[in-house]
Amino acid sequence: MKQILEKVVNKNRKDWSMKLVDTLWAYQMTYKTLIGTSPYKFVYGKVCHLPLELEYKAYWAIKEFNLDLKLSEEKRILQIQELEEFRFHSYDNAKIYKERTKLLQGKRIK
């Protein structure tokens, strides 16, 4: 971390506290040979994507495919609602399955 800070701060070294967060971020995202991955991926189990990077890619995709922002927003809301319905349906199915299994186990015990 010290080496990274030395590279990014000014010569008078007064702005080191402002660069500390960026330095920590750079350290966490850098591939480490010893552990075979970045510290972030090691801890969280997935690669980190910057929110700005994701937002830019989403904007690029909308622009590339000439989609309407309002229409894509409405589609996304519908997809989220469908996902919620699917989740509730799965929950109900799991509950029914547990009840049936309990009844079958009860019959076997008798």
PDB file of N, CA and C in Angstrom:
ATOM      1  N   MET A   1       0.837  -1.185   0.000  1.00  0.00           N
ATOM      2  CA  MET A   1       0.000   0.000   0.000  1.00  0.00           C
ATOM      3  C   MET A   1       0.878   1.244   0.000  1.00  0.00           C
ATOM      4  N   LYS A   2       1.980   1.167   0.727  1.00  0.00           N
ATOM      5  CA  LYS A   2       2.877   2.311   0.808  1.00  0.00           C
ATOM      6  C   LYS A   2       3.438   2.647  -0.566  1.00  0.00           C
ATOM      7  N   GLN A   3       3.786   1.637  -1.338  1.00  0.00           N
ATOM      8  CA  GLN A   3       4.333   1.866  -2.672  1.00  0.00           C
ATOM      9  C   GLN A   3       3.302   2.513  -3.592  1.00  0.00           C
ATOM     10  N   ILE A   4       2.061   2.069  -3.492  1.00  0.00           N
ATOM     11  CA  ILE A   4       1.002   2.653  -4.315  1.00  0.00           C
ATOM     12  C   ILE A   4       0.783   4.104  -3.920  1.00  0.00           C
ATOM     13  N   LEU A   5       0.734   4.370  -2.622  1.00  0.00           N
ATOM     14  CA  LEU A   5       0.550   5.743  -2.147  1.00  0.00           C
ATOM     15  C   LEU A   5       1.685   6.641  -2.616  1.00  0.00           C
ATOM     16  N   GLU A   6       2.917   6.144  -2.572  1.00  0.00           N
ATOM     17  CA  GLU A   6       4.058   6.950  -3.006  1.00  0.00           C
ATOM     18  C   GLU A   6       3.938   7.344  -4.466  1.00  0.00           C
ATOM     19  N   LYS A   7       3.308   6.497  -5.270  1.00  0.00           N
ATOM     20  CA  LYS A   7       3.171   6.786  -6.697  1.00  0.00           C
ATOM     21  C   LYS A   7       2.057   7.774  -7.000  1.00  0.00           C
ATOM     22  N   VAL A   8       1.021   7.835  -6.169  1.00  0.00           N
ATOM     23  CA  VAL A   8      -0.141   8.657  -6.507  1.00  0.00           C
ATOM     24  C   VAL A   8      -0.208   9.998  -5.785  1.00  0.00           C
ATOM     25  N   VAL A   9       0.518  10.174  -4.705  1.00  0.00           N
ATOM     26  CA  VAL A   9       0.423  11.454  -3.985  1.00  0.00           C
ATOM     27  C   VAL A   9       1.344  12.489  -4.621  1.00  0.00           C
ATOM     28  N   ASN A  10       1.057  13.760  -4.333  1.00  0.00           N
ATOM     29  CA  ASN A  10       1.903  14.855  -4.817  1.00  0.00           C
ATOM     30  C   ASN A  10       3.252  14.827  -4.117  1.00  0.00           C
ATOM     31  N   LYS A  11       4.167  15.601  -4.633  1.00  0.00           N
ATOM     32  CA  LYS A  11       5.508  15.641  -4.045  1.00  0.00           C
ATOM     33  C   LYS A  11       5.500  16.187  -2.627  1.00  0.00           C
ATOM     34  N   ASN A  12       4.574  17.091  -2.311  1.00  0.00           N
ATOM     35  CA  ASN A  12       4.529  17.640  -0.956  1.00  0.00           C
ATOM     36  C   ASN A  12       3.820  16.683   0.014  1.00  0.00           C
ATOM     37  N   ARG A  13       3.187  15.628  -0.494  1.00  0.00           N
ATOM     38  CA  ARG A  13       2.571  14.550   0.285  1.00  0.00           C
ATOM     39  C   ARG A  13       1.472  15.019   1.240  1.00  0.00           C
ATOM     40  N   LYS A  14       0.833  16.125   0.924  1.00  0.00           N
ATOM     41  CA  LYS A  14      -0.238  16.618   1.789  1.00  0.00           C
ATOM     42  C   LYS A  14      -1.587  15.994   1.454  1.00  0.00           C
ATOM     43  N   ASP A  15      -1.715  15.428   0.278  1.00  0.00           N
ATOM     44  CA  ASP A  15      -3.007  14.881  -0.132  1.00  0.00           C
ATOM     45  C   ASP A  15      -3.094  13.363   0.037  1.00  0.00           C
ATOM     46  N   TRP A  16      -2.230  12.780   0.831  1.00  0.00           N
ATOM     47  CA  TRP A  16      -2.215  11.324   0.988  1.00  0.00           C
ATOM     48  C   TRP A  16      -3.507  10.786   1.590  1.00  0.00           C
ATOM     49  N   SER A  17      -4.134  11.541   2.472  1.00  0.00           N
ATOM     50  CA  SER A  17      -5.369  11.054   3.098  1.00  0.00           C
ATOM     51  C   SER A  17      -6.512  10.982   2.091  1.00  0.00           C
ATOM     52  N   MET A  18      -6.495  11.886   1.109  1.00  0.00           N
ATOM     53  CA  MET A  18      -7.533  11.866   0.083  1.00  0.00           C
ATOM     54  C   MET A  18      -7.313  10.715  -0.901  1.00  0.00           C
ATOM     55  N   LYS A  19      -6.100  10.288  -1.056  1.00  0.00           N
ATOM     56  CA  LYS A  19      -5.772   9.207  -1.992  1.00  0.00           C
ATOM     57  C   LYS A  19      -5.815   7.829  -1.333  1.00  0.00           C
ATOM     58  N   LEU A  20      -6.014   7.774  -0.038  1.00  0.00           N
ATOM     59  CA  LEU A  20      -5.970   6.509   0.689  1.00  0.00           C
ATOM     60  C   LEU A  20      -7.069   5.538   0.250  1.00  0.00           C
ATOM     61  N   VAL A  21      -8.273   6.034   0.059  1.00  0.00           N
ATOM     62  CA  VAL A  21      -9.388   5.175  -0.352  1.00  0.00           C
ATOM     63  C   VAL A  21      -9.122   4.591  -1.737  1.00  0.00           C
ATOM     64  N   ASP A  22      -8.639   5.427  -2.660  1.00  0.00           N
ATOM     65  CA  ASP A  22      -8.322   4.939  -4.002  1.00  0.00           C
ATOM     66  C   ASP A  22      -7.191   3.927  -3.971  1.00  0.00           C
ATOM     67  N   THR A  23      -6.230   4.151  -3.096  1.00  0.00           N
ATOM     68  CA  THR A  23      -5.110   3.227  -2.965  1.00  0.00           C
ATOM     69  C   THR A  23      -5.587   1.880  -2.435  1.00  0.00           C
ATOM     70  N   LEU A  24      -6.439   1.899  -1.447  1.00  0.00           N
ATOM     71  CA  LEU A  24      -6.989   0.657  -0.898  1.00  0.00           C
ATOM     72  C   LEU A  24      -7.778  -0.090  -1.968  1.00  0.00           C
ATOM     73  N   TRP A  25      -8.566   0.650  -2.741  1.00  0.00           N
ATOM     74  CA  TRP A  25      -9.343   0.046  -3.824  1.00  0.00           C
ATOM     75  C   TRP A  25      -8.411  -0.613  -4.843  1.00  0.00           C
ATOM     76  N   ALA A  26      -7.346   0.108  -5.234  1.00  0.00           N
ATOM     77  CA  ALA A  26      -6.388  -0.442  -6.204  1.00  0.00           C
ATOM     78  C   ALA A  26      -5.731  -1.702  -5.648  1.00  0.00           C
ATOM     79  N   TYR A  27      -5.393  -1.688  -4.383  1.00  0.00           N
ATOM     80  CA  TYR A  27      -4.760  -2.855  -3.765  1.00  0.00           C
ATOM     81  C   TYR A  27      -5.699  -4.058  -3.766  1.00  0.00           C
ATOM     82  N   GLN A  28      -6.963  -3.818  -3.455  1.00  0.00           N
ATOM     83  CA  GLN A  28      -7.938  -4.911  -3.381  1.00  0.00           C
ATOM     84  C   GLN A  28      -8.252  -5.496  -4.756  1.00  0.00           C
ATOM     85  N   MET A  29      -8.123  -4.705  -5.815  1.00  0.00           N
ATOM     86  CA  MET A  29      -8.472  -5.164  -7.156  1.00  0.00           C
ATOM     87  C   MET A  29      -7.292  -5.790  -7.893  1.00  0.00           C
ATOM     88  N   THR A  30      -6.080  -5.605  -7.390  1.00  0.00           N
ATOM     89  CA  THR A  30      -4.890  -6.091  -8.073  1.00  0.00           C
ATOM     90  C   THR A  30      -4.707  -7.583  -7.841  1.00  0.00           C
ATOM     91  N   TYR A  31      -4.369  -8.304  -8.911  1.00  0.00           N
ATOM     92  CA  TYR A  31      -4.133  -9.743  -8.841  1.00  0.00           C
ATOM     93  C   TYR A  31      -2.901 -10.019  -7.999  1.00  0.00           C
ATOM     94  N   LYS A  32      -3.041 -10.935  -7.049  1.00  0.00           N
ATOM     95  CA  LYS A  32      -1.924 -11.335  -6.178  1.00  0.00           C
ATOM     96  C   LYS A  32      -1.552 -12.776  -6.504  1.00  0.00           C
ATOM     97  N   THR A  33      -0.293 -12.993  -6.881  1.00  0.00           N
ATOM     98  CA  THR A  33       0.170 -14.318  -7.266  1.00  0.00           C
ATOM     99  C   THR A  33       0.121 -15.293  -6.101  1.00  0.00           C
ATOM    100  N   LEU A  34       0.417 -14.822  -4.918  1.00  0.00           N
ATOM    101  CA  LEU A  34       0.454 -15.684  -3.740  1.00  0.00           C
ATOM    102  C   LEU A  34      -0.869 -16.406  -3.510  1.00  0.00           C
ATOM    103  N   ILE A  35      -1.969 -15.672  -3.615  1.00  0.00           N
ATOM    104  CA  ILE A  35      -3.287 -16.287  -3.395  1.00  0.00           C
ATOM    105  C   ILE A  35      -3.959 -16.681  -4.706  1.00  0.00           C
ATOM    106  N   GLY A  36      -3.389 -16.277  -5.831  1.00  0.00           N
ATOM    107  CA  GLY A  36      -3.913 -16.667  -7.134  1.00  0.00           C
ATOM    108  C   GLY A  36      -5.138 -15.906  -7.575  1.00  0.00           C
ATOM    109  N   THR A  37      -5.432 -14.805  -6.943  1.00  0.00           N
ATOM    110  CA  THR A  37      -6.589 -13.987  -7.298  1.00  0.00           C
ATOM    111  C   THR A  37      -6.441 -12.617  -6.640  1.00  0.00           C
ATOM    112  N   SER A  38      -7.415 -11.756  -6.842  1.00  0.00           N
ATOM    113  CA  SER A  38      -7.387 -10.464  -6.161  1.00  0.00           C
ATOM    114  C   SER A  38      -7.961 -10.631  -4.755  1.00  0.00           C
ATOM    115  N   PRO A  39      -7.548  -9.801  -3.811  1.00  0.00           N
ATOM    116  CA  PRO A  39      -8.108  -9.911  -2.457  1.00  0.00           C
ATOM    117  C   PRO A  39      -9.632  -9.765  -2.426  1.00  0.00           C
ATOM    118  N   TYR A  40     -10.187  -8.914  -3.281  1.00  0.00           N
ATOM    119  CA  TYR A  40     -11.640  -8.734  -3.318  1.00  0.00           C
ATOM    120  C   TYR A  40     -12.334 -10.039  -3.704  1.00  0.00           C
ATOM    121  N   LYS A  41     -11.843 -10.678  -4.764  1.00  0.00           N
ATOM    122  CA  LYS A  41     -12.450 -11.931  -5.209  1.00  0.00           C
ATOM    123  C   LYS A  41     -12.240 -13.029  -4.169  1.00  0.00           C
ATOM    124  N   PHE A  42     -11.116 -13.000  -3.501  1.00  0.00           N
ATOM    125  CA  PHE A  42     -10.828 -13.985  -2.463  1.00  0.00           C
ATOM    126  C   PHE A  42     -11.831 -13.884  -1.317  1.00  0.00           C
ATOM    127  N   VAL A  43     -12.175 -12.659  -0.923  1.00  0.00           N
ATOM    128  CA  VAL A  43     -13.095 -12.447   0.197  1.00  0.00           C
ATOM    129  C   VAL A  43     -14.550 -12.640  -0.219  1.00  0.00           C
ATOM    130  N   TYR A  44     -14.942 -12.038  -1.354  1.00  0.00           N
ATOM    131  CA  TYR A  44     -16.350 -12.029  -1.729  1.00  0.00           C
ATOM    132  C   TYR A  44     -16.738 -13.104  -2.741  1.00  0.00           C
ATOM    133  N   GLY A  45     -15.753 -13.777  -3.333  1.00  0.00           N
ATOM    134  CA  GLY A  45     -16.045 -14.864  -4.252  1.00  0.00           C
ATOM    135  C   GLY A  45     -16.509 -14.443  -5.619  1.00  0.00           C
ATOM    136  N   LYS A  46     -16.380 -13.179  -5.970  1.00  0.00           N
ATOM    137  CA  LYS A  46     -16.779 -12.716  -7.295  1.00  0.00           C
ATOM    138  C   LYS A  46     -15.915 -11.520  -7.687  1.00  0.00           C
ATOM    139  N   VAL A  47     -15.884 -11.272  -8.969  1.00  0.00           N
ATOM    140  CA  VAL A  47     -15.124 -10.143  -9.477  1.00  0.00           C
ATOM    141  C   VAL A  47     -15.913  -8.869  -9.226  1.00  0.00           C
ATOM    142  N   CYS A  48     -15.235  -7.822  -8.895  1.00  0.00           N
ATOM    143  CA  CYS A  48     -15.904  -6.552  -8.612  1.00  0.00           C
ATOM    144  C   CYS A  48     -16.005  -5.722  -9.884  1.00  0.00           C
ATOM    145  N   HIS A  49     -17.175  -5.177 -10.106  1.00  0.00           N
ATOM    146  CA  HIS A  49     -17.381  -4.265 -11.220  1.00  0.00           C
ATOM    147  C   HIS A  49     -17.715  -2.897 -10.646  1.00  0.00           C
ATOM    148  N   LEU A  50     -17.085  -1.902 -11.177  1.00  0.00           N
ATOM    149  CA  LEU A  50     -17.369  -0.551 -10.714  1.00  0.00           C
ATOM    150  C   LEU A  50     -18.776  -0.151 -11.144  1.00  0.00           C
ATOM    151  N   PRO A  51     -19.530   0.497 -10.284  1.00  0.00           N
ATOM    152  CA  PRO A  51     -20.887   0.909 -10.660  1.00  0.00           C
ATOM    153  C   PRO A  51     -20.902   1.779 -11.913  1.00  0.00           C
ATOM    154  N   LEU A  52     -19.942   2.666 -12.052  1.00  0.00           N
ATOM    155  CA  LEU A  52     -19.878   3.528 -13.224  1.00  0.00           C
ATOM    156  C   LEU A  52     -19.655   2.700 -14.472  1.00  0.00           C
ATOM    157  N   GLU A  53     -18.799   1.689 -14.368  1.00  0.00           N
ATOM    158  CA  GLU A  53     -18.529   0.815 -15.494  1.00  0.00           C
ATOM    159  C   GLU A  53     -19.797   0.083 -15.923  1.00  0.00           C
ATOM    160  N   LEU A  54     -20.566  -0.414 -14.973  1.00  0.00           N
ATOM    161  CA  LEU A  54     -21.806  -1.108 -15.290  1.00  0.00           C
ATOM    162  C   LEU A  54     -22.825  -0.163 -15.897  1.00  0.00           C
ATOM    163  N   GLU A  55     -22.915   1.029 -15.333  1.00  0.00           N
ATOM    164  CA  GLU A  55     -23.863   2.006 -15.844  1.00  0.00           C
ATOM    165  C   GLU A  55     -23.505   2.389 -17.279  1.00  0.00           C
ATOM    166  N   TYR A  56     -22.226   2.555 -17.542  1.00  0.00           N
ATOM    167  CA  TYR A  56     -21.778   2.921 -18.881  1.00  0.00           C
ATOM    168  C   TYR A  56     -22.104   1.807 -19.869  1.00  0.00           C
ATOM    169  N   LYS A  57     -21.869   0.546 -19.485  1.00  0.00           N
ATOM    170  CA  LYS A  57     -22.168  -0.576 -20.374  1.00  0.00           C
ATOM    171  C   LYS A  57     -23.659  -0.665 -20.659  1.00  0.00           C
ATOM    172  N   ALA A  58     -24.474  -0.431 -19.640  1.00  0.00           N
ATOM    173  CA  ALA A  58     -25.925  -0.465 -19.839  1.00  0.00           C
ATOM    174  C   ALA A  58     -26.358   0.667 -20.772  1.00  0.00           C
ATOM    175  N   TYR A  59     -25.797   1.846 -20.573  1.00  0.00           N
ATOM    176  CA  TYR A  59     -26.120   2.980 -21.442  1.00  0.00           C
ATOM    177  C   TYR A  59     -25.667   2.696 -22.874  1.00  0.00           C
ATOM    178  N   TRP A  60     -24.482   2.104 -23.018  1.00  0.00           N
ATOM    179  CA  TRP A  60     -23.958   1.776 -24.334  1.00  0.00           C
ATOM    180  C   TRP A  60     -24.874   0.777 -25.038  1.00  0.00           C
ATOM    181  N   ALA A  61     -25.343  -0.232 -24.310  1.00  0.00           N
ATOM    182  CA  ALA A  61     -26.213  -1.246 -24.897  1.00  0.00           C
ATOM    183  C   ALA A  61     -27.530  -0.624 -25.358  1.00  0.00           C
ATOM    184  N   ILE A  62     -28.087   0.253 -24.561  1.00  0.00           N
ATOM    185  CA  ILE A  62     -29.340   0.918 -24.936  1.00  0.00           C
ATOM    186  C   ILE A  62     -29.126   1.764 -26.182  1.00  0.00           C
ATOM    187  N   LYS A  63     -28.020   2.470 -26.196  1.00  0.00           N
ATOM    188  CA  LYS A  63     -27.705   3.330 -27.330  1.00  0.00           C
ATOM    189  C   LYS A  63     -27.412   2.492 -28.579  1.00  0.00           C
ATOM    190  N   GLU A  64     -26.677   1.401 -28.408  1.00  0.00           N
ATOM    191  CA  GLU A  64     -26.292   0.538 -29.531  1.00  0.00           C
ATOM    192  C   GLU A  64     -27.511  -0.106 -30.188  1.00  0.00           C
ATOM    193  N   PHE A  65     -28.442  -0.557 -29.398  1.00  0.00           N
ATOM    194  CA  PHE A  65     -29.615  -1.231 -29.938  1.00  0.00           C
ATOM    195  C   PHE A  65     -30.776  -0.271 -30.177  1.00  0.00           C
ATOM    196  N   ASN A  66     -30.522   1.022 -29.989  1.00  0.00           N
ATOM    197  CA  ASN A  66     -31.498   2.065 -30.253  1.00  0.00           C
ATOM    198  C   ASN A  66     -32.791   1.820 -29.475  1.00  0.00           C
ATOM    199  N   LEU A  67     -32.656   1.556 -28.190  1.00  0.00           N
ATOM    200  CA  LEU A  67     -33.809   1.301 -27.342  1.00  0.00           C
ATOM    201  C   LEU A  67     -34.280   2.598 -26.681  1.00  0.00           C
ATOM    202  N   ASP A  68     -35.532   2.630 -26.375  1.00  0.00           N
ATOM    203  CA  ASP A  68     -36.108   3.764 -25.674  1.00  0.00           C
ATOM    204  C   ASP A  68     -35.875   3.570 -24.170  1.00  0.00           C
ATOM    205  N   LEU A  69     -35.343   4.580 -23.506  1.00  0.00           N
ATOM    206  CA  LEU A  69     -35.055   4.465 -22.079  1.00  0.00           C
ATOM    207  C   LEU A  69     -36.313   4.195 -21.265  1.00  0.00           C
ATOM    208  N   LYS A  70     -37.391   4.884 -21.586  1.00  0.00           N
ATOM    209  CA  LYS A  70     -38.650   4.710 -20.846  1.00  0.00           C
ATOM    210  C   LYS A  70     -39.198   3.298 -21.049  1.00  0.00           C
ATOM    211  N   LEU A  71     -39.154   2.829 -22.276  1.00  0.00           N
ATOM    212  CA  LEU A  71     -39.644   1.483 -22.583  1.00  0.00           C
ATOM    213  C   LEU A  71     -38.798   0.429 -21.881  1.00  0.00           C
ATOM    214  N   SER A  72     -37.470   0.599 -21.884  1.00  0.00           N
ATOM    215  CA  SER A  72     -36.602  -0.375 -21.218  1.00  0.00           C
ATOM    216  C   SER A  72     -36.811  -0.356 -19.706  1.00  0.00           C
ATOM    217  N   GLU A  73     -37.119   0.825 -19.147  1.00  0.00           N
ATOM    218  CA  GLU A  73     -37.404   0.918 -17.715  1.00  0.00           C
ATOM    219  C   GLU A  73     -38.678   0.152 -17.372  1.00  0.00           C
ATOM    220  N   GLU A  74     -39.697   0.308 -18.191  1.00  0.00           N
ATOM    221  CA  GLU A  74     -40.951  -0.410 -17.958  1.00  0.00           C
ATOM    222  C   GLU A  74     -40.753  -1.921 -18.088  1.00  0.00           C
ATOM    223  N   LYS A  75     -39.953  -2.338 -19.070  1.00  0.00           N
ATOM    224  CA  LYS A  75     -39.666  -3.769 -19.225  1.00  0.00           C
ATOM    225  C   LYS A  75     -38.945  -4.312 -18.006  1.00  0.00           C
ATOM    226  N   ARG A  76     -37.998  -3.551 -17.495  1.00  0.00           N
ATOM    227  CA  ARG A  76     -37.238  -3.995 -16.321  1.00  0.00           C
ATOM    228  C   ARG A  76     -38.155  -4.139 -15.112  1.00  0.00           C
ATOM    229  N   ILE A  77     -39.090  -3.215 -14.937  1.00  0.00           N
ATOM    230  CA  ILE A  77     -40.038  -3.296 -13.814  1.00  0.00           C
ATOM    231  C   ILE A  77     -40.912  -4.541 -13.961  1.00  0.00           C
ATOM    232  N   LEU A  78     -41.354  -4.828 -15.183  1.00  0.00           N
ATOM    233  CA  LEU A  78     -42.146  -6.031 -15.413  1.00  0.00           C
ATOM    234  C   LEU A  78     -41.339  -7.294 -15.132  1.00  0.00           C
ATOM    235  N   GLN A  79     -40.072  -7.292 -15.519  1.00  0.00           N
ATOM    236  CA  GLN A  79     -39.214  -8.450 -15.255  1.00  0.00           C
ATOM    237  C   GLN A  79     -39.041  -8.665 -13.754  1.00  0.00           C
ATOM    238  N   ILE A  80     -38.883  -7.588 -13.022  1.00  0.00           N
ATOM    239  CA  ILE A  80     -38.738  -7.695 -11.566  1.00  0.00           C
ATOM    240  C   ILE A  80     -40.016  -8.232 -10.946  1.00  0.00           C
ATOM    241  N   GLN A  81     -41.169  -7.764 -11.423  1.00  0.00           N
ATOM    242  CA  GLN A  81     -42.443  -8.255 -10.909  1.00  0.00           C
ATOM    243  C   GLN A  81     -42.625  -9.735 -11.223  1.00  0.00           C
ATOM    244  N   GLU A  82     -42.247 -10.154 -12.435  1.00  0.00           N
ATOM    245  CA  GLU A  82     -42.337 -11.565 -12.799  1.00  0.00           C
ATOM    246  C   GLU A  82     -41.427 -12.407 -11.922  1.00  0.00           C
ATOM    247  N   LEU A  83     -40.252 -11.899 -11.633  1.00  0.00           N
ATOM    248  CA  LEU A  83     -39.319 -12.610 -10.768  1.00  0.00           C
ATOM    249  C   LEU A  83     -39.882 -12.769  -9.367  1.00  0.00           C
ATOM    250  N   GLU A  84     -40.529 -11.723  -8.852  1.00  0.00           N
ATOM    251  CA  GLU A  84     -41.168 -11.791  -7.536  1.00  0.00           C
ATOM    252  C   GLU A  84     -42.298 -12.824  -7.540  1.00  0.00           C
ATOM    253  N   GLU A  85     -43.106 -12.839  -8.601  1.00  0.00           N
ATOM    254  CA  GLU A  85     -44.184 -13.818  -8.702  1.00  0.00           C
ATOM    255  C   GLU A  85     -43.618 -15.233  -8.742  1.00  0.00           C
ATOM    256  N   PHE A  86     -42.547 -15.417  -9.500  1.00  0.00           N
ATOM    257  CA  PHE A  86     -41.897 -16.727  -9.578  1.00  0.00           C
ATOM    258  C   PHE A  86     -41.377 -17.153  -8.213  1.00  0.00           C
ATOM    259  N   ARG A  87     -40.789 -16.203  -7.483  1.00  0.00           N
ATOM    260  CA  ARG A  87     -40.267 -16.510  -6.152  1.00  0.00           C
ATOM    261  C   ARG A  87     -41.400 -16.921  -5.207  1.00  0.00           C
ATOM    262  N   PHE A  88     -42.513 -16.180  -5.220  1.00  0.00           N
ATOM    263  CA  PHE A  88     -43.645 -16.523  -4.367  1.00  0.00           C
ATOM    264  C   PHE A  88     -44.236 -17.875  -4.763  1.00  0.00           C
ATOM    265  N   HIS A  89     -44.320 -18.147  -6.060  1.00  0.00           N
ATOM    266  CA  HIS A  89     -44.837 -19.428  -6.542  1.00  0.00           C
ATOM    267  C   HIS A  89     -43.927 -20.563  -6.070  1.00  0.00           C
ATOM    268  N   SER A  90     -42.627 -20.370  -6.152  1.00  0.00           N
ATOM    269  CA  SER A  90     -41.673 -21.382  -5.682  1.00  0.00           C
ATOM    270  C   SER A  90     -41.814 -21.607  -4.184  1.00  0.00           C
ATOM    271  N   TYR A  91     -42.016 -20.538  -3.449  1.00  0.00           N
ATOM    272  CA  TYR A  91     -42.201 -20.648  -2.005  1.00  0.00           C
ATOM    273  C   TYR A  91     -43.450 -21.472  -1.694  1.00  0.00           C
ATOM    274  N   ASP A  92     -44.539 -21.202  -2.410  1.00  0.00           N
ATOM    275  CA  ASP A  92     -45.772 -21.968  -2.202  1.00  0.00           C
ATOM    276  C   ASP A  92     -45.568 -23.440  -2.554  1.00  0.00           C
ATOM    277  N   ASN A  93     -44.874 -23.708  -3.663  1.00  0.00           N
ATOM    278  CA  ASN A  93     -44.614 -25.093  -4.051  1.00  0.00           C
ATOM    279  C   ASN A  93     -43.776 -25.809  -3.005  1.00  0.00           C
ATOM    280  N   ALA A  94     -42.797 -25.133  -2.447  1.00  0.00           N
ATOM    281  CA  ALA A  94     -41.962 -25.744  -1.409  1.00  0.00           C
ATOM    282  C   ALA A  94     -42.797 -26.060  -0.172  1.00  0.00           C
ATOM    283  N   LYS A  95     -43.697 -25.159   0.162  1.00  0.00           N
ATOM    284  CA  LYS A  95     -44.569 -25.366   1.321  1.00  0.00           C
ATOM    285  C   LYS A  95     -45.484 -26.571   1.102  1.00  0.00           C
ATOM    286  N   ILE A  96     -46.060 -26.678  -0.098  1.00  0.00           N
ATOM    287  CA  ILE A  96     -46.928 -27.814  -0.430  1.00  0.00           C
ATOM    288  C   ILE A  96     -46.126 -29.112  -0.390  1.00  0.00           C
ATOM    289  N   TYR A  97     -44.920 -29.097  -0.936  1.00  0.00           N
ATOM    290  CA  TYR A  97     -44.075 -30.279  -0.940  1.00  0.00           C
ATOM    291  C   TYR A  97     -43.759 -30.736   0.481  1.00  0.00           C
ATOM    292  N   LYS A  98     -43.461 -29.786   1.355  1.00  0.00           N
ATOM    293  CA  LYS A  98     -43.170 -30.137   2.746  1.00  0.00           C
ATOM    294  C   LYS A  98     -44.379 -30.752   3.424  1.00  0.00           C
ATOM    295  N   GLU A  99     -45.562 -30.198   3.168  1.00  0.00           N
ATOM    296  CA  GLU A  99     -46.778 -30.740   3.767  1.00  0.00           C
ATOM    297  C   GLU A  99     -47.057 -32.153   3.280  1.00  0.00           C
ATOM    298  N   ARG A 100     -46.888 -32.404   1.975  1.00  0.00           N
ATOM    299  CA  ARG A 100     -47.107 -33.741   1.423  1.00  0.00           C
ATOM    300  C   ARG A 100     -46.107 -34.733   2.001  1.00  0.00           C
ATOM    301  N   THR A 101     -44.857 -34.317   2.091  1.00  0.00           N
ATOM    302  CA  THR A 101     -43.829 -35.189   2.655  1.00  0.00           C
ATOM    303  C   THR A 101     -44.137 -35.515   4.100  1.00  0.00           C
ATOM    304  N   LYS A 102     -44.618 -34.552   4.832  1.00  0.00           N
ATOM    305  CA  LYS A 102     -44.975 -34.765   6.238  1.00  0.00           C
ATOM    306  C   LYS A 102     -46.121 -35.766   6.352  1.00  0.00           C
ATOM    307  N   LEU A 103     -47.127 -35.645   5.477  1.00  0.00           N
ATOM    308  CA  LEU A 103     -48.254 -36.589   5.496  1.00  0.00           C
ATOM    309  C   LEU A 103     -47.789 -38.000   5.155  1.00  0.00           C
ATOM    310  N   LEU A 104     -46.942 -38.143   4.151  1.00  0.00           N
ATOM    311  CA  LEU A 104     -46.442 -39.462   3.764  1.00  0.00           C
ATOM    312  C   LEU A 104     -45.613 -40.080   4.884  1.00  0.00           C
ATOM    313  N   GLN A 105     -44.819 -39.289   5.529  1.00  0.00           N
ATOM    314  CA  GLN A 105     -44.006 -39.790   6.660  1.00  0.00           C
ATOM    315  C   GLN A 105     -44.913 -40.197   7.814  1.00  0.00           C
ATOM    316  N   GLY A 106     -45.967 -39.438   8.036  1.00  0.00           N
ATOM    317  CA  GLY A 106     -46.923 -39.765   9.076  1.00  0.00           C
ATOM    318  C   GLY A 106     -47.625 -41.085   8.817  1.00  0.00           C
ATOM    319  N   LYS A 107     -47.991 -41.355   7.556  1.00  0.00           N
ATOM    320  CA  LYS A 107     -48.638 -42.606   7.183  1.00  0.00           C
ATOM    321  C   LYS A 107     -47.686 -43.792   7.365  1.00  0.00           C
ATOM    322  N   ARG A 108     -46.402 -43.591   7.040  1.00  0.00           N
ATOM    323  CA  ARG A 108     -45.429 -44.658   7.176  1.00  0.00           C
ATOM    324  C   ARG A 108     -45.180 -45.014   8.639  1.00  0.00           C
ATOM    325  N   ILE A 109     -45.227 -44.008   9.486  1.00  0.00           N
ATOM    326  CA  ILE A 109     -44.998 -44.248  10.918  1.00  0.00           C
ATOM    327  C   ILE A 109     -46.148 -45.038  11.496  1.00  0.00           C
ATOM    328  N   LYS A 110     -47.388 -44.729  11.114  1.00  0.00           N
ATOM    329  CA  LYS A 110     -48.561 -45.431  11.630  1.00  0.00           C
ATOM    330  C   LYS A 110     -48.532 -46.857  11.178  1.00  0.00           C
TER     331      LYS A 110
END
